[in-house]
Protein backbone atom coordinates (compact mmCIF):
# COMPACT_ATOMS: atom_id res chain seq x y z
CA MET A 1 -1.13 -36.81 23.13
CA MET A 2 0.67 -39.96 24.16
CA GLY A 3 2.99 -38.30 26.66
CA VAL A 4 6.73 -38.83 27.02
CA MET A 5 7.93 -42.22 25.77
CA SER A 6 11.01 -43.79 24.32
CA THR A 7 11.74 -43.54 20.61
CA ARG A 8 11.46 -47.33 20.16
CA ASP A 9 7.98 -47.44 21.71
CA ALA A 10 6.82 -44.51 19.55
CA GLN A 11 8.23 -46.20 16.43
CA LYS A 12 6.36 -49.45 17.29
CA LEU A 13 3.08 -47.52 17.68
CA ALA A 14 3.60 -45.85 14.28
CA ASP A 15 4.41 -49.20 12.61
CA GLN A 16 1.27 -50.80 14.09
CA GLN A 17 -0.87 -48.05 12.55
CA GLY A 18 0.96 -48.17 9.22
CA LEU A 19 2.14 -44.56 9.58
CA ASP A 20 5.44 -42.75 10.07
CA LEU A 21 7.00 -41.21 13.17
CA VAL A 22 7.84 -37.59 12.25
CA GLU A 23 9.91 -35.26 14.43
CA VAL A 24 8.02 -31.96 14.55
CA SER A 25 10.20 -29.79 16.80
CA PRO A 26 13.68 -31.16 17.42
CA ASN A 27 14.80 -28.25 19.61
CA ALA A 28 12.16 -28.83 22.30
CA GLU A 29 13.10 -30.70 25.46
CA PRO A 30 12.16 -33.55 24.99
CA PRO A 31 11.82 -33.50 21.17
CA VAL A 32 8.21 -33.56 19.93
CA CYS A 33 7.16 -36.21 17.40
CA LYS A 34 3.91 -36.99 15.59
CA ILE A 35 2.55 -40.17 14.10
CA MET A 36 1.37 -39.29 10.57
CA ASP A 37 1.61 -40.18 6.89
CA TYR A 38 4.87 -38.49 5.91
CA GLY A 39 4.15 -38.59 2.15
CA LYS A 40 0.85 -36.78 2.64
CA PHE A 41 2.56 -34.26 4.95
CA ARG A 42 5.21 -33.47 2.30
CA TYR A 43 2.51 -33.10 -0.37
CA ASP A 44 0.52 -30.66 1.79
CA GLU A 45 3.66 -28.63 2.48
CA SER A 46 4.47 -28.39 -1.24
CA ILE A 47 0.93 -27.19 -1.97
CA LYS A 48 1.27 -24.51 0.74
CA ARG A 49 4.58 -23.34 -0.76
CA LYS A 50 3.07 -23.16 -4.27
CA THR A 51 0.09 -21.10 -3.16
CA ALA A 52 2.35 -18.77 -1.14
CA ARG A 53 4.55 -18.27 -4.22
CA LYS A 54 1.51 -17.66 -6.43
CA ASN A 55 0.02 -15.06 -4.06
CA GLN A 56 3.36 -13.29 -3.61
CA LYS A 57 3.42 -9.71 -4.89
CA VAL A 58 6.48 -9.01 -7.01
CA THR A 59 7.52 -5.37 -7.10
CA GLN A 60 9.44 -4.24 -10.11
CA ILE A 61 11.47 -1.11 -10.64
CA LYS A 62 10.18 0.92 -13.57
CA GLU A 63 12.45 3.57 -15.03
CA VAL A 64 11.28 6.91 -16.41
CA LYS A 65 13.92 8.94 -18.26
CA PHE A 66 14.05 12.70 -18.55
CA HIS A 67 16.32 15.30 -20.12
CA ALA A 68 17.06 18.75 -18.74
CA SER A 69 15.15 20.42 -21.59
CA VAL A 70 11.90 18.45 -21.20
CA ASP A 71 8.74 20.13 -22.52
CA THR A 72 5.69 20.62 -20.28
CA HIS A 73 3.50 18.20 -22.27
CA ASP A 74 6.19 15.51 -22.12
CA LEU A 75 6.57 16.11 -18.39
CA ASP A 76 2.81 15.76 -17.86
CA HIS A 77 2.73 12.53 -19.87
CA LYS A 78 5.61 11.05 -17.88
CA MET A 79 3.97 12.13 -14.62
CA ARG A 80 0.86 10.13 -15.63
CA GLN A 81 3.09 7.13 -16.32
CA ILE A 82 4.74 7.48 -12.91
CA LYS A 83 1.33 7.64 -11.23
CA GLU A 84 0.18 4.48 -13.05
CA PHE A 85 3.35 2.57 -12.13
CA LEU A 86 3.03 3.54 -8.47
CA ALA A 87 -0.69 2.61 -8.47
CA GLU A 88 0.28 -0.87 -9.70
CA GLY A 89 2.64 -1.21 -6.73
CA HIS A 90 5.94 -0.77 -8.57
CA LYS A 91 8.83 1.47 -7.60
CA VAL A 92 9.87 4.16 -10.07
CA LYS A 93 13.46 5.10 -10.82
CA ILE A 94 13.74 8.61 -12.22
CA THR A 95 16.84 9.24 -14.30
CA LEU A 96 17.88 12.44 -16.00
CA GLN A 97 20.66 12.17 -18.58
CA TYR A 98 22.72 15.27 -19.32
CA ARG A 99 23.70 15.72 -22.98
CA GLY A 100 26.32 18.02 -24.47
CA ARG A 101 26.19 21.53 -23.05
CA GLU A 102 23.59 20.48 -20.47
CA ASN A 103 26.57 19.22 -18.44
CA ALA A 104 27.53 22.85 -17.77
CA HIS A 105 24.07 23.58 -16.31
CA LYS A 106 23.40 20.82 -13.80
CA GLU A 107 20.93 23.05 -11.94
CA LEU A 108 18.43 22.75 -14.86
CA GLY A 109 18.27 18.99 -14.42
CA MET A 110 17.92 19.33 -10.66
CA GLU A 111 14.96 21.67 -11.22
CA VAL A 112 13.25 19.07 -13.43
CA VAL A 113 13.77 16.28 -10.89
CA SER A 114 12.59 18.54 -8.06
CA LYS A 115 9.46 19.39 -10.05
CA VAL A 116 8.76 15.67 -10.62
CA ILE A 117 9.16 14.95 -6.90
CA GLU A 118 6.98 17.93 -5.99
CA ASN A 119 4.22 16.94 -8.45
CA SER A 120 4.15 13.34 -7.21
CA ALA A 121 4.30 14.20 -3.49
CA GLU A 122 0.63 13.38 -2.85
CA TYR A 123 0.89 9.74 -3.97
CA ALA A 124 4.64 8.98 -3.76
CA GLN A 125 7.49 9.27 -1.33
CA VAL A 126 11.18 9.67 -2.08
CA GLU A 127 12.96 6.43 -1.29
CA GLN A 128 16.35 7.56 -2.57
CA THR A 129 17.21 11.25 -2.80
CA PRO A 130 18.44 12.67 -6.12
CA ARG A 131 22.16 12.15 -6.62
CA LEU A 132 24.49 12.73 -9.49
CA ILE A 133 26.53 9.80 -10.81
CA GLY A 134 28.60 10.81 -13.82
CA ARG A 135 26.26 12.40 -16.36
CA THR A 136 23.14 10.89 -14.80
CA LEU A 137 20.99 12.36 -12.06
CA GLY A 138 18.77 9.74 -10.44
CA CYS A 139 16.36 9.15 -7.60
CA MET A 140 13.86 6.47 -6.55
CA LEU A 141 10.15 6.92 -5.77
CA ALA A 142 7.86 4.45 -4.00
CA ALA A 143 4.11 4.58 -3.44
CA LYS A 144 2.98 6.05 -0.16
CA PRO A 145 1.87 3.32 2.23
CA VAL A 146 -1.88 2.98 2.56
CA LYS A 147 -3.11 3.44 6.10
CA PRO A 148 -5.21 0.42 7.07
CA MET A 149 -8.72 1.08 8.21
CA GLY A 150 -8.67 -0.65 11.54
CA LYS A 151 -11.46 -1.63 13.88
CA GLY A 152 -11.96 1.84 15.39
CA TYR A 153 -11.48 3.82 12.16
CA THR A 154 -13.87 6.68 11.59
CA PRO A 155 -13.60 8.70 8.40
CA PRO A 156 -12.92 12.41 8.80
CA ARG A 157 -16.14 14.40 8.95
CA THR A 158 -16.77 17.35 6.73
CA ALA A 159 -18.29 20.49 8.18
CA ALA A 160 -22.03 20.28 7.59
CA PRO A 161 -24.48 23.03 8.49
CA ALA A 162 -26.19 22.53 11.83
CA PRO A 163 -29.80 21.35 11.54
CA LYS A 164 -32.45 23.94 12.36
CA PRO A 165 -34.49 23.17 15.48
CA ALA A 166 -38.11 22.35 14.78
CA ALA A 167 -40.71 24.74 16.18
CA SER A 168 -42.50 23.19 19.10
CA ALA A 169 -45.46 24.19 21.23
CA THR A 170 -43.21 25.29 24.12
CA GLN A 171 -41.45 27.93 22.05
CA PRO A 172 -43.21 31.27 21.55
CA ALA A 173 -44.54 31.96 18.08
CA ALA A 174 -42.53 34.24 15.84
CA PRO A 175 -43.81 37.84 15.86
CA GLN A 176 -45.95 38.91 12.94
CA SER A 177 -44.36 41.36 10.56
CA ALA A 178 -45.56 44.95 10.73
CA MET A 179 -46.07 45.15 6.97
CA PRO A 180 -49.54 44.31 5.75
CA THR A 181 -49.87 41.53 3.23
CA PRO A 182 -50.88 42.63 -0.26
CA PRO A 183 -54.48 41.88 -1.26
CA THR A 184 -55.02 38.98 -3.58
CA ALA A 185 -57.45 38.82 -6.51
CA ALA A 186 -59.95 36.79 -4.49
CA GLN A 187 -60.34 39.50 -1.82
């Protein structure tokens, strides 16, 4: 912290130290500058950009195609695929292509897409509602956001049976039963 000084004086100080005068925030009043090695600063910035790019999560859109006359086994298999794609963090585009006479019965395709949305409701949310474009019915699903477990998070408790109080000396003893105990072989 050298305080406010003229640009020429700051440049002389930087030259004496063999470093560069770098303007850090030009919009401040007065502008803020630092004396540093500019080459090293650029190198550090490039390393930061590379690591940020490497750690960046890329979401892809995976497409799962259906037909109006899909069989239950095929539907189950495609539902497993949708669940896997969403677990990996991808979005899933559901398309249903009408063929031939299926065009006359658009409600069959809507039932299939509704069933897919209903079956995936616990782990997916509808990002784009089903809409018909030409002969194709399509919608978009995305994974439900995970609620972060913050500082004060307590997991929901399940109902457990209440513990039985232990018998103590202050409590009266339980009354004896009126039925006699059967004799044992030793008696």
